[in-house]
Each structure stands twice: as C-alpha cells, then as structure tokens.
Amino acid sequence: MRFDPPLRLRSKHPAKVIRRMNDRQRNRLPRHLFYGSAGAGFVVSDLYTIDGAPYDGSTAGIAYNAGYDYCFARGFTLGLRYACFRMKAELSIPHPIAPISSVLRCNIGTHYAAPEAGYSFRVGNKFMFSALAGIGYVNYFERMEGTRFSLDGFGTHGIVRATLLLSKRLDIGAEVGGYSSYFTSSALETADFDGHAGIKYVSIAMGLHLHF
C-alpha cells in the first residue's frame, strides 16, 4: 500500500525555500550596465612626439571613460567602451645656433573606443567584480601653440572593476585599467620608430553606474 505523507511534511521548511529563492533573485547580475568614471592616468612607456622627439616633465594626467555592458546569465559580458587620457608635457627645442634650448608646453592624449568582453560575478548582495578586455581604435593627439597634430592606430585595454550596489538602479564603481596604443612606422614617416610608436598608461578611476 502506498503511503503519502501530509503536505506539511512533504514540503519541508517552506520558509527556507522562499528565502533561498529571494537570495537567488537578489544575487542575480544586472543585465544592462551603463557606467562613467574619472580619475588619474600614469604613462608607463617612453613618451615621444609624433616626429620622434622625447617629451620631458610629468607623466601623470587625467583619465575618464564611459560605456555599456550587457551581462549574460552565466556572467559573461559584452559591451562598448570609450576612454580618454590627457596630460601636459614639455618639449625641449634646441636653438639652431646658440647652445641653449627653449621649452614648449603642450597637451597630449588619446581617444580610445573599443568593444569589450569579460566576466562578472557577485559576492553577497552588495558587491560585483568584473574583468574586461578589448581591442579597438585609438587616436593620439598633440596640441601646442594653437596647432593640433593627430595620429590614428589601434589599441588594447584590460580592466579590473569592483562595484558596490547601492540601490535597485544606482551603483558606485572603482576600476584599475591598462591601455596600450600602437602606430606603424610608415604612418609616422620616420625611420626606425618601432620602439617609439605607441603610448601605454595605467588609470585608476571611480564613478557612478546605472543598471537594470
């Protein structure tokens, strides 16, 4: 003879089951994430002008970025990123006759846009961590005395990001990223420029995120 236990026995600990379902719902990753952040950037490569002359002075500047990430159910993400780095530098120009040189102050930087892919996961109900990487288009520019020079190439980036989930829609995030740009010697119209054709910098930034 078949014996069916009472419903209250078959359904053990219904409150725990509901609580587990609620925790799973809260721990879901945001499907859509829009972000923007700003911070400091530090050049970690040798720095040269477009014509190959070395820059002097500081190698720190301002970095900011913005973008969008779509997160799949298993944590993999696809998105788009824009990043900009700007800094002030000095260029020593030797005098053609006298043994002296003049210092020319200029602004340099990069615009960078690229698709990115990565992986995100949550720790508890409040924290999310992401690792992202991509390859895309970069524009390097120099501005001095009202004149602008620019050069197009390709670049790569890698990001590690931590996000604090403040509410159902608003978060605050901090990230550390590395950006590299590359240009060919033929585009620079200079010989033996392989070691100089590019700029690499590390950025540390914080900003607000919007998710849903």
N, C-alpha and C. Protein backbone atom coordinates (compact mmCIF):
# COMPACT_ATOMS: atom_id res chain seq x y z
N MET A 1 0.85 -1.19 0.00
CA MET A 1 0.00 0.00 0.00
C MET A 1 0.89 1.24 0.00
N ARG A 2 0.54 2.21 -0.86
CA ARG A 2 1.32 3.45 -0.95
C ARG A 2 0.91 4.38 0.17
N PHE A 3 1.94 5.02 0.73
CA PHE A 3 1.68 5.95 1.82
C PHE A 3 2.15 7.34 1.41
N ASP A 4 1.24 8.31 1.39
CA ASP A 4 1.57 9.70 1.07
C ASP A 4 1.59 10.50 2.35
N PRO A 5 2.75 11.05 2.70
CA PRO A 5 2.81 11.86 3.92
C PRO A 5 2.01 13.15 3.75
N PRO A 6 1.65 13.76 4.83
CA PRO A 6 0.91 15.02 4.75
C PRO A 6 1.71 16.08 3.99
N LEU A 7 1.00 17.03 3.43
CA LEU A 7 1.63 18.08 2.63
C LEU A 7 2.66 18.85 3.43
N ARG A 8 2.35 19.09 4.69
CA ARG A 8 3.27 19.88 5.53
C ARG A 8 4.58 19.15 5.78
N LEU A 9 4.56 17.79 5.65
CA LEU A 9 5.79 17.02 5.80
C LEU A 9 6.54 16.92 4.47
N ARG A 10 5.78 16.84 3.37
CA ARG A 10 6.43 16.78 2.07
C ARG A 10 7.13 18.09 1.72
N SER A 11 6.54 19.16 2.19
CA SER A 11 7.11 20.48 1.94
C SER A 11 7.89 20.92 3.17
N LYS A 12 9.08 20.42 3.31
CA LYS A 12 9.88 20.73 4.47
C LYS A 12 10.45 22.15 4.38
N HIS A 13 10.34 22.85 5.48
CA HIS A 13 10.93 24.18 5.62
C HIS A 13 10.56 25.10 4.45
N PRO A 14 9.28 25.38 4.23
CA PRO A 14 8.91 26.25 3.10
C PRO A 14 9.49 27.65 3.23
N ALA A 15 9.67 28.14 4.47
CA ALA A 15 10.24 29.48 4.64
C ALA A 15 11.67 29.54 4.13
N LYS A 16 12.44 28.46 4.36
CA LYS A 16 13.82 28.43 3.87
C LYS A 16 13.87 28.39 2.35
N VAL A 17 12.93 27.66 1.75
CA VAL A 17 12.88 27.60 0.29
C VAL A 17 12.61 28.97 -0.29
N ILE A 18 11.64 29.68 0.28
CA ILE A 18 11.30 31.03 -0.19
C ILE A 18 12.48 31.97 0.01
N ARG A 19 13.15 31.85 1.17
CA ARG A 19 14.30 32.71 1.44
C ARG A 19 15.42 32.44 0.44
N ARG A 20 15.63 31.17 0.11
CA ARG A 20 16.66 30.82 -0.86
C ARG A 20 16.34 31.39 -2.23
N MET A 21 15.07 31.34 -2.61
CA MET A 21 14.66 31.91 -3.89
C MET A 21 14.86 33.42 -3.90
N ASN A 22 14.55 34.08 -2.79
CA ASN A 22 14.75 35.53 -2.71
C ASN A 22 16.23 35.89 -2.78
N ASP A 23 17.08 35.09 -2.11
CA ASP A 23 18.52 35.34 -2.17
C ASP A 23 19.04 35.17 -3.59
N ARG A 24 18.56 34.16 -4.29
CA ARG A 24 18.99 33.93 -5.66
C ARG A 24 18.56 35.10 -6.55
N GLN A 25 17.35 35.63 -6.29
CA GLN A 25 16.88 36.77 -7.06
C GLN A 25 17.74 38.00 -6.81
N ARG A 26 18.10 38.23 -5.55
CA ARG A 26 18.92 39.39 -5.21
C ARG A 26 20.34 39.26 -5.75
N ASN A 27 20.83 38.05 -5.86
CA ASN A 27 22.21 37.83 -6.30
C ASN A 27 22.35 37.76 -7.81
N ARG A 28 21.28 37.96 -8.54
CA ARG A 28 21.39 37.96 -10.00
C ARG A 28 22.22 39.14 -10.46
N LEU A 29 22.97 38.94 -11.53
CA LEU A 29 23.76 40.02 -12.10
C LEU A 29 22.87 40.99 -12.86
N PRO A 30 23.20 42.29 -12.84
CA PRO A 30 22.45 43.24 -13.66
C PRO A 30 22.58 42.89 -15.14
N ARG A 31 21.48 42.97 -15.86
CA ARG A 31 21.52 42.63 -17.28
C ARG A 31 22.14 43.76 -18.11
N HIS A 32 21.77 44.99 -17.81
CA HIS A 32 22.27 46.17 -18.54
C HIS A 32 23.02 47.07 -17.55
N LEU A 33 24.22 47.49 -17.92
CA LEU A 33 25.02 48.34 -17.04
C LEU A 33 25.61 49.49 -17.86
N PHE A 34 25.26 50.71 -17.48
CA PHE A 34 25.85 51.92 -18.05
C PHE A 34 26.78 52.53 -17.00
N TYR A 35 27.95 52.98 -17.41
CA TYR A 35 28.91 53.48 -16.43
C TYR A 35 29.67 54.68 -16.96
N GLY A 36 30.16 55.46 -16.03
CA GLY A 36 31.05 56.58 -16.33
C GLY A 36 31.95 56.81 -15.13
N SER A 37 33.21 57.10 -15.36
CA SER A 37 34.13 57.30 -14.25
C SER A 37 35.26 58.23 -14.66
N ALA A 38 35.93 58.76 -13.67
CA ALA A 38 37.05 59.67 -13.91
C ALA A 38 38.10 59.45 -12.83
N GLY A 39 39.34 59.74 -13.17
CA GLY A 39 40.42 59.55 -12.20
C GLY A 39 41.75 60.00 -12.77
N ALA A 40 42.80 59.32 -12.37
CA ALA A 40 44.16 59.68 -12.77
C ALA A 40 44.74 58.62 -13.70
N GLY A 41 45.58 59.09 -14.61
CA GLY A 41 46.29 58.19 -15.51
C GLY A 41 47.79 58.42 -15.43
N PHE A 42 48.56 57.35 -15.59
CA PHE A 42 50.02 57.43 -15.45
C PHE A 42 50.68 56.72 -16.63
N VAL A 43 51.47 57.45 -17.38
CA VAL A 43 52.16 56.87 -18.53
C VAL A 43 53.27 55.95 -18.03
N VAL A 44 53.31 54.73 -18.54
CA VAL A 44 54.32 53.75 -18.11
C VAL A 44 55.27 53.38 -19.25
N SER A 45 55.15 54.04 -20.39
CA SER A 45 56.05 53.80 -21.51
C SER A 45 56.86 55.06 -21.78
N ASP A 46 57.89 54.94 -22.60
CA ASP A 46 58.60 56.13 -23.06
C ASP A 46 57.65 57.00 -23.86
N LEU A 47 57.83 58.30 -23.77
CA LEU A 47 56.89 59.23 -24.38
C LEU A 47 57.62 60.09 -25.40
N TYR A 48 57.14 60.05 -26.65
CA TYR A 48 57.76 60.79 -27.74
C TYR A 48 56.70 61.54 -28.52
N THR A 49 57.11 62.60 -29.19
CA THR A 49 56.21 63.30 -30.08
C THR A 49 56.02 62.49 -31.36
N ILE A 50 55.11 62.96 -32.21
CA ILE A 50 54.85 62.25 -33.45
C ILE A 50 56.10 62.17 -34.33
N ASP A 51 56.97 63.20 -34.28
CA ASP A 51 58.18 63.17 -35.11
C ASP A 51 59.36 62.52 -34.40
N GLY A 52 59.13 61.94 -33.21
CA GLY A 52 60.18 61.17 -32.56
C GLY A 52 60.97 61.88 -31.49
N ALA A 53 60.69 63.16 -31.20
CA ALA A 53 61.41 63.88 -30.16
C ALA A 53 60.88 63.48 -28.78
N PRO A 54 61.75 63.34 -27.77
CA PRO A 54 61.29 62.92 -26.44
C PRO A 54 60.62 64.06 -25.68
N TYR A 55 59.59 63.71 -24.90
CA TYR A 55 58.94 64.67 -24.01
C TYR A 55 59.65 64.68 -22.68
N ASP A 56 59.55 65.81 -21.97
CA ASP A 56 60.06 65.94 -20.62
C ASP A 56 58.90 66.26 -19.69
N GLY A 57 59.19 66.23 -18.40
CA GLY A 57 58.18 66.64 -17.43
C GLY A 57 57.35 65.49 -16.91
N SER A 58 56.18 65.85 -16.38
CA SER A 58 55.31 64.89 -15.71
C SER A 58 54.78 63.83 -16.68
N THR A 59 54.48 62.67 -16.13
CA THR A 59 53.86 61.60 -16.92
C THR A 59 52.50 61.22 -16.34
N ALA A 60 51.90 62.10 -15.55
CA ALA A 60 50.58 61.86 -14.97
C ALA A 60 49.57 62.81 -15.59
N GLY A 61 48.34 62.34 -15.72
CA GLY A 61 47.29 63.16 -16.32
C GLY A 61 45.92 62.75 -15.82
N ILE A 62 44.91 63.18 -16.55
CA ILE A 62 43.51 62.90 -16.22
C ILE A 62 42.99 61.82 -17.15
N ALA A 63 42.28 60.85 -16.59
CA ALA A 63 41.69 59.77 -17.38
C ALA A 63 40.21 59.68 -17.06
N TYR A 64 39.40 59.50 -18.08
CA TYR A 64 37.97 59.27 -17.86
C TYR A 64 37.45 58.34 -18.94
N ASN A 65 36.37 57.66 -18.62
CA ASN A 65 35.81 56.68 -19.54
C ASN A 65 34.31 56.53 -19.32
N ALA A 66 33.65 55.94 -20.29
CA ALA A 66 32.21 55.68 -20.22
C ALA A 66 31.92 54.49 -21.12
N GLY A 67 30.79 53.82 -20.85
CA GLY A 67 30.47 52.68 -21.69
C GLY A 67 29.22 51.96 -21.26
N TYR A 68 29.01 50.82 -21.91
CA TYR A 68 27.83 49.98 -21.66
C TYR A 68 28.25 48.52 -21.71
N ASP A 69 27.74 47.72 -20.77
CA ASP A 69 27.98 46.28 -20.76
C ASP A 69 26.65 45.53 -20.67
N TYR A 70 26.53 44.48 -21.45
CA TYR A 70 25.39 43.56 -21.37
C TYR A 70 25.88 42.27 -20.74
N CYS A 71 25.24 41.84 -19.68
CA CYS A 71 25.68 40.67 -18.93
C CYS A 71 24.74 39.50 -19.18
N PHE A 72 25.30 38.39 -19.62
CA PHE A 72 24.52 37.18 -19.82
C PHE A 72 24.33 36.46 -18.48
N ALA A 73 23.43 35.46 -18.49
CA ALA A 73 23.03 34.80 -17.25
C ALA A 73 24.20 34.15 -16.52
N ARG A 74 25.17 33.63 -17.25
CA ARG A 74 26.30 32.93 -16.63
C ARG A 74 27.45 33.86 -16.27
N GLY A 75 27.28 35.16 -16.43
CA GLY A 75 28.29 36.11 -16.01
C GLY A 75 29.16 36.68 -17.11
N PHE A 76 29.09 36.13 -18.31
CA PHE A 76 29.88 36.67 -19.41
C PHE A 76 29.26 37.97 -19.90
N THR A 77 30.11 38.93 -20.27
CA THR A 77 29.63 40.25 -20.66
C THR A 77 30.20 40.66 -22.01
N LEU A 78 29.41 41.46 -22.72
CA LEU A 78 29.83 42.10 -23.96
C LEU A 78 29.43 43.57 -23.87
N GLY A 79 30.29 44.46 -24.38
CA GLY A 79 29.96 45.86 -24.28
C GLY A 79 30.82 46.74 -25.17
N LEU A 80 30.69 48.04 -24.93
CA LEU A 80 31.44 49.06 -25.65
C LEU A 80 32.06 50.01 -24.64
N ARG A 81 33.26 50.49 -24.93
CA ARG A 81 33.96 51.39 -24.01
C ARG A 81 34.59 52.54 -24.77
N TYR A 82 34.47 53.74 -24.18
CA TYR A 82 35.21 54.92 -24.64
C TYR A 82 36.11 55.37 -23.50
N ALA A 83 37.36 55.69 -23.80
CA ALA A 83 38.29 56.16 -22.79
C ALA A 83 39.11 57.31 -23.35
N CYS A 84 39.43 58.25 -22.49
CA CYS A 84 40.25 59.40 -22.89
C CYS A 84 41.30 59.66 -21.82
N PHE A 85 42.49 59.99 -22.27
CA PHE A 85 43.59 60.34 -21.38
C PHE A 85 44.21 61.64 -21.86
N ARG A 86 44.43 62.58 -20.94
CA ARG A 86 45.02 63.88 -21.28
C ARG A 86 46.08 64.24 -20.24
N MET A 87 47.14 64.86 -20.73
CA MET A 87 48.18 65.32 -19.81
C MET A 87 48.95 66.48 -20.45
N LYS A 88 49.66 67.20 -19.60
CA LYS A 88 50.51 68.30 -20.07
C LYS A 88 51.96 67.81 -20.07
N ALA A 89 52.69 68.20 -21.10
CA ALA A 89 54.09 67.78 -21.22
C ALA A 89 54.93 68.95 -21.71
N GLU A 90 56.23 68.78 -21.63
CA GLU A 90 57.17 69.80 -22.08
C GLU A 90 58.08 69.21 -23.15
N LEU A 91 58.35 70.01 -24.15
CA LEU A 91 59.21 69.60 -25.26
C LEU A 91 60.38 70.57 -25.37
N SER A 92 61.58 70.06 -25.23
CA SER A 92 62.79 70.90 -25.34
C SER A 92 63.20 71.03 -26.80
N ILE A 93 63.26 72.27 -27.28
CA ILE A 93 63.63 72.53 -28.67
C ILE A 93 64.99 73.23 -28.68
N PRO A 94 66.03 72.59 -29.20
CA PRO A 94 67.37 73.22 -29.19
C PRO A 94 67.42 74.41 -30.14
N HIS A 95 68.21 75.41 -29.75
CA HIS A 95 68.41 76.58 -30.60
C HIS A 95 69.33 76.20 -31.76
N PRO A 96 69.04 76.66 -32.98
CA PRO A 96 69.86 76.25 -34.13
C PRO A 96 71.29 76.75 -34.08
N ILE A 97 71.56 77.82 -33.32
CA ILE A 97 72.92 78.39 -33.28
C ILE A 97 73.50 78.34 -31.87
N ALA A 98 72.80 78.94 -30.93
CA ALA A 98 73.31 79.01 -29.56
C ALA A 98 73.12 77.67 -28.85
N PRO A 99 74.01 77.37 -27.88
CA PRO A 99 73.91 76.10 -27.14
C PRO A 99 72.85 76.15 -26.04
N ILE A 100 71.67 76.59 -26.39
CA ILE A 100 70.56 76.65 -25.44
C ILE A 100 69.34 76.02 -26.10
N SER A 101 68.33 75.81 -25.31
CA SER A 101 67.09 75.24 -25.84
C SER A 101 65.90 75.94 -25.20
N SER A 102 64.83 76.01 -25.91
CA SER A 102 63.59 76.58 -25.38
C SER A 102 62.62 75.45 -25.04
N VAL A 103 61.75 75.72 -24.08
CA VAL A 103 60.78 74.72 -23.62
C VAL A 103 59.40 75.08 -24.15
N LEU A 104 58.80 74.14 -24.82
CA LEU A 104 57.46 74.33 -25.38
C LEU A 104 56.49 73.45 -24.62
N ARG A 105 55.48 74.07 -24.03
CA ARG A 105 54.47 73.31 -23.29
C ARG A 105 53.34 72.90 -24.23
N CYS A 106 52.89 71.67 -24.09
CA CYS A 106 51.85 71.16 -24.98
C CYS A 106 50.95 70.18 -24.23
N ASN A 107 49.79 69.96 -24.82
CA ASN A 107 48.83 68.98 -24.31
C ASN A 107 48.84 67.76 -25.21
N ILE A 108 48.89 66.60 -24.61
CA ILE A 108 48.86 65.36 -25.40
C ILE A 108 47.84 64.41 -24.78
N GLY A 109 47.42 63.43 -25.56
CA GLY A 109 46.46 62.46 -25.03
C GLY A 109 45.98 61.50 -26.09
N THR A 110 45.03 60.67 -25.70
CA THR A 110 44.46 59.68 -26.60
C THR A 110 42.95 59.62 -26.43
N HIS A 111 42.27 59.37 -27.54
CA HIS A 111 40.87 58.95 -27.55
C HIS A 111 40.84 57.48 -27.95
N TYR A 112 40.04 56.70 -27.24
CA TYR A 112 40.04 55.26 -27.47
C TYR A 112 38.60 54.75 -27.44
N ALA A 113 38.23 53.94 -28.42
CA ALA A 113 36.90 53.34 -28.48
C ALA A 113 37.04 51.89 -28.92
N ALA A 114 36.36 50.98 -28.19
CA ALA A 114 36.55 49.56 -28.49
C ALA A 114 35.41 48.73 -27.94
N PRO A 115 35.09 47.62 -28.59
CA PRO A 115 34.23 46.62 -27.96
C PRO A 115 35.01 45.91 -26.86
N GLU A 116 34.31 45.39 -25.88
CA GLU A 116 34.99 44.67 -24.81
C GLU A 116 34.18 43.45 -24.40
N ALA A 117 34.87 42.46 -23.90
CA ALA A 117 34.26 41.24 -23.40
C ALA A 117 34.86 40.93 -22.04
N GLY A 118 34.11 40.22 -21.21
CA GLY A 118 34.64 39.93 -19.89
C GLY A 118 33.76 38.98 -19.11
N TYR A 119 34.00 38.97 -17.82
CA TYR A 119 33.26 38.09 -16.92
C TYR A 119 32.99 38.84 -15.62
N SER A 120 31.77 38.70 -15.09
CA SER A 120 31.37 39.36 -13.86
C SER A 120 30.77 38.35 -12.89
N PHE A 121 30.94 38.61 -11.61
CA PHE A 121 30.32 37.76 -10.60
C PHE A 121 30.03 38.61 -9.36
N ARG A 122 29.05 38.15 -8.58
CA ARG A 122 28.66 38.86 -7.38
C ARG A 122 29.16 38.14 -6.14
N VAL A 123 29.47 38.93 -5.12
CA VAL A 123 29.84 38.42 -3.81
C VAL A 123 28.84 39.00 -2.81
N GLY A 124 27.94 38.16 -2.31
CA GLY A 124 26.89 38.66 -1.45
C GLY A 124 25.87 39.47 -2.23
N ASN A 125 25.16 40.32 -1.52
CA ASN A 125 24.11 41.12 -2.14
C ASN A 125 24.58 42.50 -2.59
N LYS A 126 25.80 42.89 -2.22
CA LYS A 126 26.20 44.28 -2.42
C LYS A 126 27.39 44.48 -3.35
N PHE A 127 28.15 43.44 -3.64
CA PHE A 127 29.38 43.64 -4.40
C PHE A 127 29.38 42.82 -5.68
N MET A 128 29.92 43.43 -6.73
CA MET A 128 30.10 42.75 -8.01
C MET A 128 31.51 43.05 -8.51
N PHE A 129 32.17 42.05 -9.04
CA PHE A 129 33.53 42.18 -9.57
C PHE A 129 33.54 41.78 -11.04
N SER A 130 34.34 42.49 -11.83
CA SER A 130 34.38 42.26 -13.27
C SER A 130 35.82 42.32 -13.77
N ALA A 131 36.11 41.51 -14.77
CA ALA A 131 37.37 41.56 -15.51
C ALA A 131 37.02 41.71 -16.99
N LEU A 132 37.56 42.73 -17.65
CA LEU A 132 37.17 43.09 -19.01
C LEU A 132 38.40 43.33 -19.87
N ALA A 133 38.27 43.08 -21.16
CA ALA A 133 39.37 43.32 -22.09
C ALA A 133 38.80 43.59 -23.48
N GLY A 134 39.57 44.31 -24.30
CA GLY A 134 39.10 44.61 -25.66
C GLY A 134 40.21 45.15 -26.53
N ILE A 135 39.90 45.31 -27.79
CA ILE A 135 40.82 45.87 -28.78
C ILE A 135 40.01 46.75 -29.72
N GLY A 136 40.55 47.94 -30.06
CA GLY A 136 39.77 48.85 -30.88
C GLY A 136 40.60 49.98 -31.47
N TYR A 137 39.93 51.09 -31.75
CA TYR A 137 40.51 52.24 -32.44
C TYR A 137 41.06 53.24 -31.42
N VAL A 138 42.21 53.84 -31.74
CA VAL A 138 42.78 54.86 -30.88
C VAL A 138 43.24 56.04 -31.73
N ASN A 139 43.06 57.24 -31.20
CA ASN A 139 43.54 58.47 -31.82
C ASN A 139 44.46 59.17 -30.84
N TYR A 140 45.71 59.37 -31.24
CA TYR A 140 46.69 60.08 -30.41
C TYR A 140 46.79 61.52 -30.91
N PHE A 141 46.81 62.48 -29.98
CA PHE A 141 46.83 63.89 -30.41
C PHE A 141 47.86 64.67 -29.60
N GLU A 142 48.36 65.74 -30.24
CA GLU A 142 49.25 66.72 -29.61
C GLU A 142 48.73 68.11 -29.94
N ARG A 143 48.66 68.97 -28.95
CA ARG A 143 48.26 70.36 -29.16
C ARG A 143 49.33 71.27 -28.57
N MET A 144 49.82 72.19 -29.41
CA MET A 144 50.83 73.14 -28.94
C MET A 144 50.72 74.43 -29.74
N GLU A 145 50.63 75.53 -29.01
CA GLU A 145 50.57 76.87 -29.61
C GLU A 145 49.50 76.96 -30.69
N GLY A 146 48.32 76.45 -30.39
CA GLY A 146 47.21 76.55 -31.33
C GLY A 146 47.24 75.58 -32.48
N THR A 147 48.22 74.70 -32.53
CA THR A 147 48.33 73.71 -33.61
C THR A 147 48.05 72.32 -33.06
N ARG A 148 47.28 71.54 -33.83
CA ARG A 148 46.94 70.19 -33.40
C ARG A 148 47.48 69.17 -34.39
N PHE A 149 48.15 68.16 -33.87
CA PHE A 149 48.60 67.02 -34.67
C PHE A 149 47.92 65.77 -34.13
N SER A 150 47.59 64.84 -35.00
CA SER A 150 46.94 63.62 -34.53
C SER A 150 47.39 62.44 -35.38
N LEU A 151 47.16 61.26 -34.85
CA LEU A 151 47.58 60.03 -35.50
C LEU A 151 46.61 58.92 -35.11
N ASP A 152 46.19 58.12 -36.08
CA ASP A 152 45.24 57.03 -35.83
C ASP A 152 45.98 55.69 -35.78
N GLY A 153 45.50 54.80 -34.95
CA GLY A 153 46.08 53.47 -34.84
C GLY A 153 45.10 52.53 -34.16
N PHE A 154 45.62 51.50 -33.55
CA PHE A 154 44.76 50.58 -32.80
C PHE A 154 45.29 50.43 -31.39
N GLY A 155 44.41 50.02 -30.48
CA GLY A 155 44.80 49.91 -29.08
C GLY A 155 44.14 48.72 -28.41
N THR A 156 44.61 48.42 -27.21
CA THR A 156 44.06 47.35 -26.40
C THR A 156 43.84 47.86 -24.98
N HIS A 157 42.97 47.19 -24.25
CA HIS A 157 42.77 47.55 -22.85
C HIS A 157 42.42 46.32 -22.02
N GLY A 158 42.72 46.40 -20.73
CA GLY A 158 42.35 45.39 -19.76
C GLY A 158 41.92 46.08 -18.48
N ILE A 159 40.79 45.66 -17.91
CA ILE A 159 40.18 46.35 -16.77
C ILE A 159 39.85 45.35 -15.67
N VAL A 160 40.08 45.75 -14.43
CA VAL A 160 39.55 45.05 -13.26
C VAL A 160 38.68 46.05 -12.50
N ARG A 161 37.42 45.68 -12.25
CA ARG A 161 36.46 46.64 -11.69
C ARG A 161 35.72 46.02 -10.50
N ALA A 162 35.50 46.84 -9.47
CA ALA A 162 34.69 46.46 -8.32
C ALA A 162 33.51 47.42 -8.23
N THR A 163 32.32 46.88 -8.01
CA THR A 163 31.10 47.68 -7.99
C THR A 163 30.36 47.45 -6.69
N LEU A 164 29.96 48.54 -6.04
CA LEU A 164 29.12 48.49 -4.85
C LEU A 164 27.70 48.83 -5.26
N LEU A 165 26.77 47.90 -5.07
CA LEU A 165 25.38 48.08 -5.48
C LEU A 165 24.65 48.86 -4.39
N LEU A 166 24.36 50.13 -4.68
CA LEU A 166 23.75 51.00 -3.68
C LEU A 166 22.25 50.82 -3.60
N SER A 167 21.60 50.63 -4.73
CA SER A 167 20.14 50.53 -4.77
C SER A 167 19.73 49.65 -5.93
N LYS A 168 18.46 49.65 -6.25
CA LYS A 168 17.96 48.83 -7.35
C LYS A 168 18.48 49.30 -8.71
N ARG A 169 18.92 50.53 -8.79
CA ARG A 169 19.35 51.08 -10.08
C ARG A 169 20.74 51.71 -10.05
N LEU A 170 21.16 52.23 -8.91
CA LEU A 170 22.38 53.04 -8.85
C LEU A 170 23.50 52.30 -8.12
N ASP A 171 24.70 52.37 -8.69
CA ASP A 171 25.89 51.74 -8.10
C ASP A 171 27.04 52.75 -8.11
N ILE A 172 28.06 52.43 -7.36
CA ILE A 172 29.32 53.16 -7.44
C ILE A 172 30.43 52.15 -7.71
N GLY A 173 31.32 52.50 -8.63
CA GLY A 173 32.35 51.55 -9.04
C GLY A 173 33.74 52.15 -9.03
N ALA A 174 34.73 51.30 -8.85
CA ALA A 174 36.14 51.68 -8.92
C ALA A 174 36.86 50.68 -9.82
N GLU A 175 37.77 51.17 -10.63
CA GLU A 175 38.45 50.28 -11.57
C GLU A 175 39.91 50.67 -11.74
N VAL A 176 40.71 49.68 -12.07
CA VAL A 176 42.10 49.86 -12.45
C VAL A 176 42.25 49.29 -13.86
N GLY A 177 42.80 50.08 -14.77
CA GLY A 177 42.89 49.65 -16.16
C GLY A 177 44.23 49.94 -16.78
N GLY A 178 44.57 49.16 -17.77
CA GLY A 178 45.77 49.39 -18.55
C GLY A 178 45.42 49.56 -20.02
N TYR A 179 45.96 50.59 -20.66
CA TYR A 179 45.66 50.91 -22.05
C TYR A 179 46.96 50.99 -22.84
N SER A 180 46.96 50.43 -24.03
CA SER A 180 48.12 50.50 -24.92
C SER A 180 47.67 50.92 -26.30
N SER A 181 48.48 51.72 -26.97
CA SER A 181 48.18 52.13 -28.35
C SER A 181 49.40 51.85 -29.21
N TYR A 182 49.12 51.57 -30.50
CA TYR A 182 50.18 51.16 -31.43
C TYR A 182 50.00 51.88 -32.76
N PHE A 183 51.12 52.34 -33.33
CA PHE A 183 51.11 53.02 -34.62
C PHE A 183 52.26 52.47 -35.46
N THR A 184 52.07 52.43 -36.75
CA THR A 184 53.10 51.89 -37.63
C THR A 184 54.13 52.96 -37.97
N SER A 185 55.34 52.53 -38.26
CA SER A 185 56.40 53.47 -38.63
C SER A 185 56.09 54.19 -39.93
N SER A 186 55.43 53.50 -40.86
CA SER A 186 55.11 54.14 -42.14
C SER A 186 54.15 55.30 -41.96
N ALA A 187 53.22 55.16 -41.02
CA ALA A 187 52.29 56.27 -40.79
C ALA A 187 52.99 57.47 -40.18
N LEU A 188 54.04 57.22 -39.41
CA LEU A 188 54.78 58.31 -38.79
C LEU A 188 55.79 58.95 -39.73
N GLU A 189 56.07 58.29 -40.85
CA GLU A 189 57.01 58.80 -41.84
C GLU A 189 58.39 59.04 -41.24
N THR A 190 58.77 58.19 -40.30
CA THR A 190 60.10 58.26 -39.72
C THR A 190 60.71 56.87 -39.75
N ALA A 191 62.02 56.81 -39.84
CA ALA A 191 62.71 55.52 -39.88
C ALA A 191 63.04 55.05 -38.46
N ASP A 192 63.07 53.73 -38.28
CA ASP A 192 63.48 53.13 -37.02
C ASP A 192 62.68 53.69 -35.85
N PHE A 193 61.35 53.66 -35.96
CA PHE A 193 60.50 54.24 -34.94
C PHE A 193 59.71 53.19 -34.18
N ASP A 194 60.04 51.91 -34.37
CA ASP A 194 59.24 50.85 -33.77
C ASP A 194 59.20 50.95 -32.25
N GLY A 195 60.28 51.35 -31.63
CA GLY A 195 60.31 51.44 -30.18
C GLY A 195 59.56 52.63 -29.63
N HIS A 196 59.23 53.58 -30.48
CA HIS A 196 58.59 54.80 -30.01
C HIS A 196 57.12 54.88 -30.41
N ALA A 197 56.69 54.01 -31.29
CA ALA A 197 55.36 54.16 -31.88
C ALA A 197 54.29 53.59 -30.96
N GLY A 198 53.94 54.34 -29.94
CA GLY A 198 52.87 53.91 -29.05
C GLY A 198 52.96 54.60 -27.71
N ILE A 199 51.90 54.46 -26.94
CA ILE A 199 51.84 55.01 -25.60
C ILE A 199 51.07 54.03 -24.73
N LYS A 200 51.56 53.80 -23.54
CA LYS A 200 50.91 52.90 -22.60
C LYS A 200 50.67 53.66 -21.29
N TYR A 201 49.48 53.53 -20.73
CA TYR A 201 49.20 54.17 -19.46
C TYR A 201 48.29 53.31 -18.59
N VAL A 202 48.37 53.54 -17.30
CA VAL A 202 47.53 52.87 -16.31
C VAL A 202 46.61 53.91 -15.70
N SER A 203 45.34 53.58 -15.53
CA SER A 203 44.38 54.51 -14.97
C SER A 203 43.74 53.93 -13.71
N ILE A 204 43.43 54.81 -12.78
CA ILE A 204 42.68 54.48 -11.57
C ILE A 204 41.50 55.44 -11.52
N ALA A 205 40.28 54.92 -11.55
CA ALA A 205 39.11 55.79 -11.70
C ALA A 205 37.95 55.29 -10.85
N MET A 206 37.06 56.22 -10.50
CA MET A 206 35.83 55.91 -9.79
C MET A 206 34.68 56.65 -10.46
N GLY A 207 33.46 56.10 -10.32
CA GLY A 207 32.32 56.76 -10.92
C GLY A 207 31.02 56.06 -10.58
N LEU A 208 29.95 56.54 -11.19
CA LEU A 208 28.61 56.02 -10.95
C LEU A 208 28.21 55.06 -12.06
N HIS A 209 27.44 54.05 -11.69
CA HIS A 209 26.89 53.07 -12.64
C HIS A 209 25.37 53.07 -12.53
N LEU A 210 24.73 52.82 -13.63
CA LEU A 210 23.28 52.67 -13.67
C LEU A 210 22.97 51.31 -14.26
N HIS A 211 22.20 50.49 -13.54
CA HIS A 211 21.91 49.14 -14.03
C HIS A 211 20.41 48.85 -13.97
N PHE A 212 20.00 47.93 -14.81
CA PHE A 212 18.62 47.44 -14.77
C PHE A 212 18.55 46.12 -15.50
